[in-house]
Amino acid sequence: MNEMLKLLDNKDLLDKIYRFCYQRCSTSVEAEDLCSEIIISVITAIHKQEHIENFYAFLWTIARRVYADHCRSKIVKQRVQYFKNEDFDNMFTYDGDDYDDYIEEDAAQEQFKEILKEISFLSKSYREVMVMHYIDGLSVKDIAKMLDISETAVKQRLFTARNSVKKEVVTMLNRNYVLKPVTLYFIGKGSPCGNDPAVKNERSFSQNLVYLCKKKPMSAKELSDKLGVPMPYIEEELEIQCNGVNGSYGTLRKLPNGKYTVNIHLVDYDEYERANHIFEKHLPEFCTYIKSSLKQNEERILNFPFLSDQKDLRFILWSLISRTIWNFKDKVNEVISEKYFSGIALEEAPFHCTAIAYSGSNAPDIGVYGCDGIHVVSTGGYKSVSIANIYGERISPHFRCGTSINHDSKIMMLIKSVGGICLNDLSDDEKEIAAKALQCGYLRKKGDILEPAVIVIDKKDRDEFFSLSYSLTDDMKELVEIIAAEITEFVSKHVPEHLICEYQTYVDLIAGSRLLSKAIEACISEGLLTKPQNKVCSEGTWMIVER
């Protein structure tokens, strides 16, 4: 016992105990108190033990327990440890001091783990030098040679990285990663195949990363801290979101200062609601104009040379209503462009994307109707065939952009039915396909003859057909002017400066995205549109063939 008490009087050992305490305390006073507690506890324990086989193991085990009790007696802020630069280095380079073998598995090991964790949150250039120097054990000279940079640059990066990690370890007990996840609902316009950045933004992680860049540009480091995700994953995701699916159009863009900002119109749902209200509050006036225009153009519409028998004005309007809405929004944009934003050059791209952000598991009322079209040349005896369908709350899509007409047997049967086909002329397999085409609303049956149920026109009459929808908005100039003024004021307040060149996209896909849905419901109520019997139906599909 006396021999062990003499060992405690050794200056080198006392210095090691004090250094152990100092590394884990906020002040030297606190370190001295902890050191005293450890020595007293060791002396007390020595008197209680008859035989101690390994004094140093015995000592550092007690030191560890006293330190653990010391931590538990303090509040979270008092548990934070501070490091000096040289002490921080020692956590990586220390060669097995007496206490190291017994303490590292608990308190010191936890510190080391936290330091390694924080290294993963550094940007690539700093992360590289930290790992190469402290983990791989390479010298500054070797690192400089490997990275093809100066030794001074290596030292500067190590210095900056050390300070950054120190700061993060100090505050890590106060860090609270509470992410309130959002979901992004994407709406696009144009040619999506190979151009739609939403394809790369399907994961929740991707969507929340992009959303964080909405209000202000953020660096990779800021995003890493905000999400609590190591830098390698953040850097990889940022590159994906900047490139998008086509390598040039993504949901994010990198600014000259190295920070990232949204590259698309991204709005919260409440902004989406307010923007849509600008159009929707004028819906009664809009429907009054439509009703009047339909009456004026009824004869012209019913006498159009359709290649499928069409006698119901309400059904025909299903294939005109989407273009009527698009034309109306185009007129609003024209007024905005000529009267308010004449000096702004529009951003040209094959596809434009927007997103609405909402939280919670249930999607709010987005209320969007989509329209997809597909095209093929030299098929079914025609030079070309184009077919489009709208879809939304009332009707389901028959197909999406990218569908192959030649590989869709029901569409091929629809093409074959133009002009009528006799059921008796079909093989058993063809009859089965025809039955499916009848069921989904592509075809209708008159006796033994199958004919298209959807709108079919000749390509040479296409422009005249589309002009029918344009004529429905001819008398809306006053309404267009009113809405254009209101939209301009709203856009000026809500669209960020770097996206103002895409204000027309905002008008089309944010402020006016729900207009088609609302107009359809209003027209059904007014008896201007047929009410689909089910969601898989003939309404809203039209085909253009070139002989």
Protein backbone atom coordinates (compact mmCIF):
# COMPACT_ATOMS: atom_id res chain seq x y z
CA MET A 1 0.00 0.00 0.00
CA ASN A 2 2.75 2.43 0.96
CA GLU A 3 4.58 1.76 -2.30
CA MET A 4 1.47 2.67 -4.30
CA LEU A 5 0.97 5.83 -2.30
CA LYS A 6 4.55 6.77 -3.11
CA LEU A 7 3.82 6.28 -6.83
CA LEU A 8 1.10 8.88 -6.54
CA ASP A 9 3.71 11.35 -5.36
CA ASN A 10 5.52 11.03 -8.70
CA LYS A 11 5.51 14.40 -10.53
CA ASP A 12 5.29 12.85 -14.03
CA LEU A 13 2.25 10.79 -13.05
CA LEU A 14 0.55 13.77 -11.42
CA ASP A 15 1.20 15.80 -14.60
CA LYS A 16 -0.44 13.06 -16.67
CA ILE A 17 -3.48 13.01 -14.38
CA TYR A 18 -3.75 16.78 -14.58
CA ARG A 19 -3.39 16.75 -18.40
CA PHE A 20 -6.10 14.10 -18.57
CA CYS A 21 -8.35 16.45 -16.55
CA TYR A 22 -7.36 19.61 -18.39
CA GLN A 23 -8.22 18.10 -21.78
CA ARG A 24 -11.73 17.39 -20.53
CA CYS A 25 -12.53 20.57 -18.61
CA SER A 26 -13.54 24.08 -19.56
CA THR A 27 -11.10 25.84 -17.22
CA SER A 28 -7.90 25.11 -15.33
CA VAL A 29 -9.79 25.56 -12.04
CA GLU A 30 -12.25 22.86 -13.03
CA ALA A 31 -9.34 20.64 -14.12
CA GLU A 32 -7.62 21.08 -10.73
CA ASP A 33 -10.85 20.14 -8.94
CA LEU A 34 -11.29 17.05 -11.05
CA CYS A 35 -7.64 16.10 -10.56
CA SER A 36 -8.08 16.37 -6.77
CA GLU A 37 -11.22 14.22 -6.90
CA ILE A 38 -9.35 11.53 -8.83
CA ILE A 39 -6.37 11.49 -6.43
CA ILE A 40 -8.65 11.35 -3.37
CA SER A 41 -10.68 8.53 -4.93
CA VAL A 42 -7.51 6.59 -5.78
CA ILE A 43 -6.14 6.98 -2.21
CA THR A 44 -9.49 5.91 -0.75
CA ALA A 45 -9.62 2.88 -3.03
CA ILE A 46 -6.04 1.87 -2.21
CA HIS A 47 -6.94 1.67 1.48
CA LYS A 48 -9.86 -0.60 0.65
CA GLN A 49 -7.85 -3.05 -1.48
CA GLU A 50 -5.73 -5.82 -0.03
CA HIS A 51 -3.90 -6.48 -3.30
CA ILE A 52 -3.60 -4.43 -6.49
CA GLU A 53 -2.04 -6.37 -9.37
CA ASN A 54 -1.68 -3.51 -11.90
CA PHE A 55 -1.52 -0.11 -10.29
CA TYR A 56 -1.78 1.94 -13.54
CA ALA A 57 -4.80 0.00 -14.77
CA PHE A 58 -6.32 0.46 -11.31
CA LEU A 59 -5.56 4.21 -11.33
CA TRP A 60 -6.92 4.99 -14.80
CA THR A 61 -10.04 2.89 -14.24
CA ILE A 62 -10.83 5.02 -11.19
CA ALA A 63 -9.98 8.21 -13.13
CA ARG A 64 -12.42 7.18 -15.83
CA ARG A 65 -15.21 6.53 -13.31
CA VAL A 66 -14.62 9.80 -11.46
CA TYR A 67 -14.67 11.68 -14.75
CA ALA A 68 -17.92 9.93 -15.74
CA ASP A 69 -19.49 10.97 -12.42
CA HIS A 70 -18.19 14.50 -12.95
CA CYS A 71 -19.90 14.65 -16.38
CA ARG A 72 -23.21 13.35 -15.08
CA SER A 73 -23.30 15.99 -12.38
CA LYS A 74 -23.18 18.83 -14.89
CA ILE A 75 -25.73 20.17 -17.32
CA VAL A 76 -25.19 19.65 -21.05
CA LYS A 77 -23.36 22.94 -21.59
CA GLN A 78 -20.91 22.14 -18.80
CA ARG A 79 -20.07 18.85 -20.41
CA VAL A 80 -18.52 20.44 -23.49
CA GLN A 81 -14.81 19.86 -23.79
CA TYR A 82 -12.28 22.35 -25.16
CA PHE A 83 -9.04 21.53 -26.85
CA LYS A 84 -5.85 23.47 -27.58
CA ASN A 85 -4.30 22.96 -31.00
CA GLU A 86 -1.47 20.81 -29.63
CA ASP A 87 -3.90 18.77 -27.51
CA PHE A 88 -6.13 18.26 -30.53
CA ASP A 89 -3.15 16.94 -32.51
CA ASN A 90 -2.31 14.56 -29.68
CA MET A 91 -5.70 12.88 -30.03
CA PHE A 92 -4.43 11.59 -33.38
CA THR A 93 -0.72 11.08 -32.74
CA TYR A 94 -0.39 10.01 -29.09
CA ASP A 95 1.70 6.83 -28.76
CA GLY A 96 0.04 5.00 -25.90
CA ASP A 97 0.49 6.82 -22.64
CA ASP A 98 -0.17 4.93 -19.39
CA TYR A 99 -3.77 6.02 -19.23
CA ASP A 100 -4.44 5.69 -22.98
CA ASP A 101 -4.92 1.92 -22.91
CA TYR A 102 -7.57 2.19 -20.19
CA ILE A 103 -9.41 5.40 -20.96
CA GLU A 104 -9.83 5.49 -24.75
CA GLU A 105 -12.62 2.92 -24.76
CA ASP A 106 -14.84 5.35 -22.86
CA ALA A 107 -14.49 9.12 -22.61
CA ALA A 108 -11.43 9.58 -24.85
CA GLN A 109 -12.76 7.13 -27.40
CA GLU A 110 -16.03 9.03 -27.59
CA GLN A 111 -14.08 12.24 -28.18
CA PHE A 112 -12.09 10.57 -30.92
CA LYS A 113 -15.26 9.29 -32.57
CA GLU A 114 -16.77 12.77 -32.50
CA ILE A 115 -13.65 14.23 -34.09
CA LEU A 116 -13.72 11.63 -36.86
CA LYS A 117 -17.40 12.34 -37.34
CA GLU A 118 -16.76 16.06 -37.68
CA ILE A 119 -14.00 15.44 -40.23
CA SER A 120 -16.65 13.85 -42.44
CA PHE A 121 -18.53 17.15 -42.39
CA LEU A 122 -15.59 19.09 -43.84
CA SER A 123 -15.50 20.04 -47.50
CA LYS A 124 -13.45 17.81 -49.77
CA SER A 125 -10.25 19.90 -49.89
CA TYR A 126 -10.03 20.06 -46.07
CA ARG A 127 -11.24 16.52 -45.53
CA GLU A 128 -8.47 15.17 -47.76
CA VAL A 129 -5.59 16.73 -45.85
CA MET A 130 -7.04 15.80 -42.44
CA VAL A 131 -7.41 12.14 -43.39
CA MET A 132 -4.03 11.96 -45.13
CA HIS A 133 -2.18 13.61 -42.23
CA TYR A 134 -3.94 12.28 -39.12
CA ILE A 135 -5.37 8.97 -40.28
CA ASP A 136 -2.90 7.86 -42.96
CA GLY A 137 0.06 9.43 -41.15
CA LEU A 138 1.49 11.24 -44.18
CA SER A 139 3.80 14.21 -43.76
CA VAL A 140 2.95 17.72 -44.97
CA LYS A 141 5.62 17.32 -47.66
CA ASP A 142 4.12 14.06 -48.95
CA ILE A 143 0.59 15.48 -48.95
CA ALA A 144 1.72 18.54 -50.91
CA LYS A 145 3.33 16.30 -53.50
CA MET A 146 0.30 14.01 -53.82
CA LEU A 147 -2.19 16.88 -54.15
CA ASP A 148 0.16 19.00 -56.28
CA ILE A 149 -0.11 22.01 -53.96
CA SER A 150 2.41 23.88 -51.84
CA GLU A 151 3.36 22.80 -48.33
CA THR A 152 2.10 26.16 -47.11
CA ALA A 153 -1.30 25.41 -48.62
CA VAL A 154 -1.37 22.04 -46.82
CA LYS A 155 -0.52 23.70 -43.50
CA GLN A 156 -3.20 26.35 -44.02
CA ARG A 157 -5.81 23.70 -44.78
CA LEU A 158 -4.81 21.66 -41.74
CA PHE A 159 -4.98 24.75 -39.54
CA THR A 160 -8.42 25.76 -40.86
CA ALA A 161 -9.71 22.20 -40.66
CA ARG A 162 -8.48 21.74 -37.08
CA ASN A 163 -10.21 24.92 -35.96
CA SER A 164 -13.41 23.94 -37.72
CA VAL A 165 -13.47 20.48 -36.14
CA LYS A 166 -12.64 21.91 -32.71
CA LYS A 167 -15.52 24.35 -32.97
CA GLU A 168 -17.96 21.64 -34.04
CA VAL A 169 -16.88 19.21 -31.30
CA VAL A 170 -17.29 21.96 -28.73
CA THR A 171 -20.86 22.65 -29.82
CA MET A 172 -21.92 19.14 -30.81
CA LEU A 173 -23.76 18.48 -27.54
CA ASN A 174 -25.94 21.50 -28.24
CA ARG A 175 -26.60 20.54 -31.85
CA ASN A 176 -30.18 19.60 -32.56
CA TYR A 177 -30.87 18.16 -36.01
CA VAL A 178 -34.62 18.57 -36.27
CA LEU A 179 -35.60 18.40 -39.91
CA LYS A 180 -39.20 19.14 -40.71
CA PRO A 181 -39.33 17.29 -44.02
CA VAL A 182 -41.18 18.64 -47.00
CA THR A 183 -42.46 16.95 -50.13
CA LEU A 184 -42.11 18.57 -53.53
CA TYR A 185 -44.87 18.24 -56.13
CA PHE A 186 -43.36 18.86 -59.57
CA ILE A 187 -45.14 20.41 -62.54
CA GLY A 188 -43.45 20.77 -65.91
CA LYS A 189 -44.01 22.07 -69.41
CA GLY A 190 -42.27 21.16 -72.65
CA SER A 191 -40.50 17.99 -73.70
CA PRO A 192 -39.82 16.03 -70.46
CA CYS A 193 -38.11 12.99 -71.98
CA GLY A 194 -34.45 13.36 -71.01
CA ASN A 195 -34.98 16.93 -69.77
CA ASP A 196 -37.01 16.72 -66.55
CA PRO A 197 -34.86 17.45 -63.44
CA ALA A 198 -37.59 16.02 -61.20
CA VAL A 199 -36.41 12.57 -62.31
CA LYS A 200 -33.31 13.15 -60.16
CA ASN A 201 -35.33 14.56 -57.28
CA GLU A 202 -37.58 11.70 -56.23
CA ARG A 203 -35.94 10.95 -52.85
CA SER A 204 -36.91 12.83 -49.70
CA PHE A 205 -33.24 13.67 -49.06
CA SER A 206 -32.93 15.29 -52.49
CA GLN A 207 -36.13 17.29 -52.10
CA ASN A 208 -35.23 18.64 -48.66
CA LEU A 209 -31.72 19.54 -49.79
CA VAL A 210 -33.17 21.58 -52.65
CA TYR A 211 -35.80 23.15 -50.41
CA LEU A 212 -33.15 24.43 -47.99
CA CYS A 213 -31.70 26.52 -50.86
CA LYS A 214 -35.06 28.18 -51.49
CA LYS A 215 -34.93 31.20 -49.20
CA LYS A 216 -31.22 31.93 -49.43
CA PRO A 217 -28.18 30.42 -51.18
CA MET A 218 -26.35 27.88 -49.04
CA SER A 219 -22.89 26.34 -49.14
CA ALA A 220 -22.22 22.62 -49.04
CA LYS A 221 -20.98 23.03 -45.48
CA GLU A 222 -24.10 24.88 -44.38
CA LEU A 223 -26.29 22.18 -45.91
CA SER A 224 -24.21 19.48 -44.24
CA ASP A 225 -24.65 21.14 -40.85
CA LYS A 226 -28.35 21.78 -41.39
CA LEU A 227 -29.18 18.23 -42.45
CA GLY A 228 -26.62 16.49 -40.25
CA VAL A 229 -25.27 14.63 -43.28
CA PRO A 230 -21.52 14.18 -43.97
CA MET A 231 -20.04 16.32 -46.73
CA PRO A 232 -19.28 13.54 -49.27
CA TYR A 233 -23.01 12.79 -49.56
CA ILE A 234 -23.95 16.47 -49.74
CA GLU A 235 -21.34 17.23 -52.41
CA GLU A 236 -22.45 14.27 -54.51
CA GLU A 237 -26.13 15.22 -54.25
CA LEU A 238 -25.42 18.87 -55.11
CA GLU A 239 -23.67 17.80 -58.28
CA ILE A 240 -26.61 15.58 -59.22
CA GLN A 241 -29.14 18.35 -58.61
CA CYS A 242 -27.12 20.90 -60.59
CA ASN A 243 -26.72 18.60 -63.60
CA GLY A 244 -30.27 17.24 -63.68
CA VAL A 245 -31.03 14.39 -66.04
CA ASN A 246 -29.62 16.08 -69.17
CA GLY A 247 -26.43 17.46 -67.61
CA SER A 248 -27.38 21.12 -67.94
CA TYR A 249 -30.79 21.74 -66.32
CA GLY A 250 -31.18 20.80 -62.68
CA THR A 251 -33.21 21.93 -59.69
CA LEU A 252 -30.15 23.78 -58.30
CA ARG A 253 -27.50 26.07 -59.70
CA LYS A 254 -24.06 26.89 -58.32
CA LEU A 255 -23.31 30.58 -57.84
CA PRO A 256 -19.90 32.21 -58.41
CA ASN A 257 -19.39 32.42 -54.63
CA GLY A 258 -19.66 28.63 -54.36
CA LYS A 259 -23.10 28.60 -52.79
CA TYR A 260 -26.19 26.91 -54.23
CA THR A 261 -29.62 28.31 -54.99
CA VAL A 262 -32.80 26.97 -56.56
CA ASN A 263 -32.83 26.84 -60.35
CA ILE A 264 -36.59 26.38 -60.67
CA HIS A 265 -39.66 28.15 -59.32
CA LEU A 266 -40.15 26.47 -55.94
CA VAL A 267 -43.02 27.78 -53.82
CA ASP A 268 -44.65 26.86 -50.54
CA TYR A 269 -48.26 25.73 -50.77
CA ASP A 270 -49.64 28.93 -49.27
CA GLU A 271 -47.96 30.97 -52.03
CA TYR A 272 -49.34 28.50 -54.58
CA GLU A 273 -52.84 29.05 -53.19
CA ARG A 274 -52.56 32.84 -53.31
CA ALA A 275 -51.12 32.82 -56.82
CA ASN A 276 -53.90 30.55 -58.14
CA HIS A 277 -56.53 32.73 -56.52
CA ILE A 278 -55.64 35.54 -58.94
CA PHE A 279 -56.97 33.48 -61.85
CA GLU A 280 -59.64 31.57 -59.98
CA LYS A 281 -61.51 34.57 -58.58
CA HIS A 282 -62.26 35.55 -62.21
CA LEU A 283 -63.53 32.08 -63.15
CA PRO A 284 -67.25 33.06 -63.29
CA GLU A 285 -66.43 35.78 -65.85
CA PHE A 286 -64.23 33.33 -67.77
CA CYS A 287 -67.02 30.74 -67.99
CA THR A 288 -69.49 33.40 -69.11
CA TYR A 289 -67.19 34.21 -72.02
CA ILE A 290 -66.76 30.50 -72.86
CA LYS A 291 -70.50 29.92 -72.85
CA SER A 292 -71.09 32.90 -75.12
CA SER A 293 -68.27 31.93 -77.51
CA LEU A 294 -69.46 28.32 -77.76
CA LYS A 295 -72.89 29.53 -78.77
CA GLN A 296 -71.42 31.81 -81.44
CA ASN A 297 -69.13 29.08 -82.82
CA GLU A 298 -71.40 26.05 -82.35
CA GLU A 299 -72.14 25.53 -86.02
CA ARG A 300 -68.50 25.93 -87.01
CA ILE A 301 -67.38 23.39 -84.42
CA LEU A 302 -70.03 20.78 -85.22
CA ASN A 303 -69.36 21.10 -88.97
CA PHE A 304 -65.63 20.56 -88.59
CA PRO A 305 -64.38 17.67 -90.81
CA PHE A 306 -63.63 15.19 -88.02
CA LEU A 307 -62.45 11.72 -89.07
CA SER A 308 -64.54 10.29 -86.24
CA ASP A 309 -68.26 10.92 -85.95
CA GLN A 310 -68.74 13.78 -83.46
CA LYS A 311 -72.14 15.38 -82.83
CA ASP A 312 -71.96 16.39 -79.15
CA LEU A 313 -70.57 19.90 -78.62
CA ARG A 314 -70.00 19.12 -74.93
CA PHE A 315 -67.77 16.14 -75.80
CA ILE A 316 -65.81 18.06 -78.44
CA LEU A 317 -65.05 20.79 -75.91
CA TRP A 318 -63.00 18.25 -73.91
CA SER A 319 -60.42 18.31 -76.70
CA LEU A 320 -60.52 22.11 -76.91
CA ILE A 321 -60.67 23.12 -73.25
CA SER A 322 -56.97 22.56 -72.49
CA ARG A 323 -55.82 24.65 -75.45
CA THR A 324 -58.41 27.28 -74.59
CA ILE A 325 -56.85 27.61 -71.12
CA TRP A 326 -53.31 27.59 -72.55
CA ASN A 327 -54.26 30.27 -75.04
CA PHE A 328 -55.82 32.38 -72.29
CA LYS A 329 -52.64 32.17 -70.19
CA ASP A 330 -50.55 32.95 -73.28
CA LYS A 331 -52.55 36.14 -73.76
CA VAL A 332 -51.95 37.10 -70.13
CA ASN A 333 -48.22 36.52 -70.62
CA GLU A 334 -48.23 38.57 -73.81
CA VAL A 335 -49.68 41.56 -71.98
CA ILE A 336 -47.17 41.13 -69.14
CA SER A 337 -44.31 40.91 -71.63
CA GLU A 338 -45.38 43.94 -73.67
CA LYS A 339 -46.65 46.17 -70.87
CA TYR A 340 -44.64 45.30 -67.74
CA PHE A 341 -41.55 43.15 -68.43
CA SER A 342 -40.58 44.29 -71.92
CA GLY A 343 -36.88 44.51 -71.04
CA ILE A 344 -36.60 40.95 -69.73
CA ALA A 345 -35.22 38.29 -72.09
CA LEU A 346 -36.98 34.96 -71.60
CA GLU A 347 -35.08 31.80 -70.73
CA GLU A 348 -35.29 29.30 -73.59
CA ALA A 349 -35.22 25.58 -72.74
CA PRO A 350 -36.84 22.39 -74.06
CA PHE A 351 -38.46 21.85 -70.67
CA HIS A 352 -39.37 24.06 -67.70
CA CYS A 353 -40.03 22.68 -64.24
CA THR A 354 -41.62 24.09 -61.08
CA ALA A 355 -42.37 22.62 -57.66
CA ILE A 356 -44.84 23.14 -54.82
CA ALA A 357 -43.60 22.30 -51.32
CA TYR A 358 -45.85 20.96 -48.58
CA SER A 359 -45.30 19.21 -45.26
CA GLY A 360 -47.17 16.29 -43.75
CA SER A 361 -48.12 12.92 -45.19
CA ASN A 362 -51.23 14.06 -47.04
CA ALA A 363 -50.86 16.05 -50.25
CA PRO A 364 -52.99 19.22 -50.33
CA ASP A 365 -55.25 20.21 -53.22
CA ILE A 366 -52.74 20.72 -56.05
CA GLY A 367 -55.57 20.22 -58.56
CA VAL A 368 -53.44 19.95 -61.70
CA TYR A 369 -54.51 18.51 -65.04
CA GLY A 370 -51.64 17.21 -67.15
CA CYS A 371 -51.43 16.82 -70.89
CA ASP A 372 -49.12 14.28 -72.55
CA GLY A 373 -48.61 13.77 -76.26
CA ILE A 374 -46.79 11.13 -78.31
CA HIS A 375 -45.85 10.95 -81.97
CA VAL A 376 -44.66 8.38 -84.49
CA VAL A 377 -43.94 8.34 -88.23
CA SER A 378 -44.84 5.66 -90.77
CA THR A 379 -47.26 3.53 -88.83
CA GLY A 380 -50.68 1.96 -89.46
CA GLY A 381 -50.66 3.09 -93.08
CA TYR A 382 -50.12 6.79 -92.20
CA LYS A 383 -47.12 9.05 -92.69
CA SER A 384 -47.39 10.15 -89.09
CA VAL A 385 -49.68 9.82 -86.09
CA SER A 386 -49.87 12.13 -83.06
CA ILE A 387 -52.10 11.45 -80.07
CA ALA A 388 -52.61 13.46 -76.89
CA ASN A 389 -54.63 13.11 -73.71
CA ILE A 390 -55.36 15.29 -70.71
CA TYR A 391 -55.77 13.77 -67.27
CA GLY A 392 -56.59 14.86 -63.75
CA GLU A 393 -59.30 14.50 -61.15
CA ARG A 394 -62.02 13.47 -63.61
CA ILE A 395 -60.04 11.33 -66.05
CA SER A 396 -57.04 8.99 -65.89
CA PRO A 397 -54.25 9.09 -68.47
CA HIS A 398 -54.27 6.54 -71.27
CA PHE A 399 -50.52 7.07 -71.74
CA ARG A 400 -47.61 9.25 -70.69
CA CYS A 401 -44.93 11.08 -72.64
CA GLY A 402 -42.46 8.55 -73.95
CA THR A 403 -45.02 5.80 -74.60
CA SER A 404 -44.32 3.96 -77.86
CA ILE A 405 -47.36 4.06 -80.14
CA ASN A 406 -46.11 1.04 -82.11
CA HIS A 407 -45.92 -1.02 -78.92
CA ASP A 408 -49.35 -0.03 -77.59
CA SER A 409 -51.80 -2.51 -79.10
CA LYS A 410 -54.90 -0.51 -78.09
CA ILE A 411 -53.61 2.66 -79.80
CA MET A 412 -52.71 0.65 -82.89
CA MET A 413 -56.28 -0.71 -82.91
CA LEU A 414 -57.58 2.88 -82.61
CA ILE A 415 -55.48 3.89 -85.64
CA LYS A 416 -56.78 0.89 -87.57
CA SER A 417 -60.40 1.82 -86.73
CA VAL A 418 -60.27 5.23 -88.49
CA GLY A 419 -62.89 4.93 -91.23
CA GLY A 420 -64.44 1.93 -89.46
CA ILE A 421 -63.51 -1.75 -89.28
CA CYS A 422 -65.77 -4.78 -89.24
CA LEU A 423 -65.56 -6.99 -86.18
CA ASN A 424 -65.87 -10.08 -88.38
CA ASP A 425 -62.65 -9.11 -90.20
CA LEU A 426 -60.60 -9.29 -87.00
CA SER A 427 -58.71 -12.32 -85.75
CA ASP A 428 -59.41 -13.70 -82.28
CA ASP A 429 -56.35 -11.91 -80.90
CA GLU A 430 -57.41 -8.64 -82.54
CA LYS A 431 -60.92 -9.01 -81.12
CA GLU A 432 -59.44 -9.29 -77.65
CA ILE A 433 -57.42 -6.09 -78.22
CA ALA A 434 -60.52 -4.37 -79.65
CA ALA A 435 -62.47 -5.33 -76.51
CA LYS A 436 -59.83 -3.64 -74.35
CA ALA A 437 -59.87 -0.55 -76.61
CA LEU A 438 -63.66 -0.40 -76.25
CA GLN A 439 -63.39 -0.73 -72.50
CA CYS A 440 -60.89 2.13 -72.13
CA GLY A 441 -62.88 4.49 -74.38
CA TYR A 442 -60.72 4.46 -77.51
CA LEU A 443 -63.41 2.78 -79.61
CA ARG A 444 -67.19 2.55 -79.83
CA LYS A 445 -69.32 -0.03 -81.56
CA LYS A 446 -72.09 0.58 -84.07
CA GLY A 447 -73.56 -2.77 -85.04
CA ASP A 448 -70.63 -4.85 -86.28
CA ILE A 449 -68.53 -1.79 -87.02
CA LEU A 450 -65.82 -0.41 -84.71
CA GLU A 451 -64.94 3.27 -85.01
CA PRO A 452 -62.95 5.81 -82.97
CA ALA A 453 -64.74 7.22 -79.95
CA VAL A 454 -62.11 9.91 -79.47
CA ILE A 455 -61.59 13.02 -81.60
CA VAL A 456 -59.65 12.20 -84.80
CA ILE A 457 -58.64 14.83 -87.37
CA ASP A 458 -56.50 15.01 -90.50
CA LYS A 459 -53.14 16.76 -90.10
CA LYS A 460 -54.03 19.22 -92.87
CA ASP A 461 -56.93 20.43 -90.70
CA ARG A 462 -54.87 20.68 -87.49
CA ASP A 463 -54.37 24.46 -87.48
CA GLU A 464 -58.06 25.04 -88.14
CA PHE A 465 -58.97 22.68 -85.30
CA PHE A 466 -56.70 24.48 -82.85
CA SER A 467 -58.10 27.82 -84.01
CA LEU A 468 -61.47 26.69 -82.62
CA SER A 469 -60.03 26.92 -79.13
CA TYR A 470 -58.39 30.27 -79.88
CA SER A 471 -61.73 31.69 -80.98
CA LEU A 472 -63.20 30.90 -77.56
CA THR A 473 -60.96 33.55 -75.96
CA ASP A 474 -61.31 36.31 -78.58
CA ASP A 475 -63.60 38.47 -76.43
CA MET A 476 -61.61 38.22 -73.19
CA LYS A 477 -59.22 41.16 -73.73
CA GLU A 478 -60.53 43.18 -70.81
CA LEU A 479 -60.32 40.19 -68.45
CA VAL A 480 -56.81 39.42 -69.71
CA GLU A 481 -55.65 42.99 -68.93
CA ILE A 482 -57.03 42.83 -65.37
CA ILE A 483 -55.40 39.49 -64.59
CA ALA A 484 -52.08 40.50 -66.20
CA ALA A 485 -51.82 43.54 -63.91
CA GLU A 486 -52.57 41.47 -60.80
CA ILE A 487 -50.18 38.68 -61.78
CA THR A 488 -47.36 41.16 -62.50
CA GLU A 489 -47.66 42.67 -59.02
CA PHE A 490 -47.60 39.22 -57.44
CA VAL A 491 -44.65 37.99 -59.53
CA SER A 492 -42.62 41.10 -58.73
CA LYS A 493 -42.99 40.38 -55.01
CA HIS A 494 -42.42 36.63 -55.02
CA VAL A 495 -40.14 35.59 -57.89
CA PRO A 496 -36.39 35.83 -57.06
CA GLU A 497 -34.31 38.06 -59.31
CA HIS A 498 -32.31 35.23 -60.87
CA LEU A 499 -35.55 33.51 -62.00
CA ILE A 500 -37.42 36.54 -63.30
CA CYS A 501 -36.42 35.52 -66.84
CA GLU A 502 -38.81 32.59 -66.33
CA TYR A 503 -41.80 34.61 -65.19
CA GLN A 504 -43.95 33.06 -67.93
CA THR A 505 -43.25 29.63 -66.45
CA TYR A 506 -44.43 30.96 -63.09
CA VAL A 507 -47.65 32.25 -64.68
CA ASP A 508 -48.29 28.98 -66.53
CA LEU A 509 -47.27 26.41 -63.93
CA ILE A 510 -47.74 28.13 -60.57
CA ALA A 511 -50.37 30.85 -60.80
CA GLY A 512 -52.31 29.20 -63.61
CA SER A 513 -51.69 25.54 -62.92
CA ARG A 514 -55.09 24.88 -61.34
CA LEU A 515 -57.10 26.95 -63.81
CA LEU A 516 -57.80 24.04 -66.16
CA SER A 517 -59.09 21.87 -63.31
CA LYS A 518 -61.33 24.64 -61.98
CA ALA A 519 -62.57 25.54 -65.47
CA ILE A 520 -63.46 21.89 -66.16
CA GLU A 521 -65.53 21.65 -62.98
CA ALA A 522 -67.25 24.97 -63.72
CA CYS A 523 -68.04 23.91 -67.32
CA ILE A 524 -69.44 20.56 -66.15
CA SER A 525 -71.68 22.43 -63.69
CA GLU A 526 -72.80 24.76 -66.48
CA GLY A 527 -73.53 21.82 -68.81
CA LEU A 528 -70.78 22.88 -71.23
CA LEU A 529 -68.81 19.64 -70.82
CA THR A 530 -70.01 16.04 -70.62
CA LYS A 531 -69.51 14.43 -67.23
CA PRO A 532 -67.28 11.35 -67.69
CA GLN A 533 -68.99 8.13 -66.60
CA ASN A 534 -65.70 6.84 -65.19
CA LYS A 535 -62.05 7.90 -65.09
CA VAL A 536 -61.03 5.61 -67.98
CA CYS A 537 -62.98 7.24 -70.77
CA SER A 538 -63.03 8.88 -74.22
CA GLU A 539 -63.08 12.46 -72.97
CA GLY A 540 -59.93 14.55 -73.35
CA THR A 541 -58.16 12.40 -75.96
CA TRP A 542 -57.57 13.41 -79.56
CA MET A 543 -55.54 12.01 -82.47
CA ILE A 544 -54.06 13.64 -85.58
CA VAL A 545 -53.18 11.46 -88.58
CA GLU A 546 -51.24 12.35 -91.71
CA ARG A 547 -52.35 10.44 -94.77
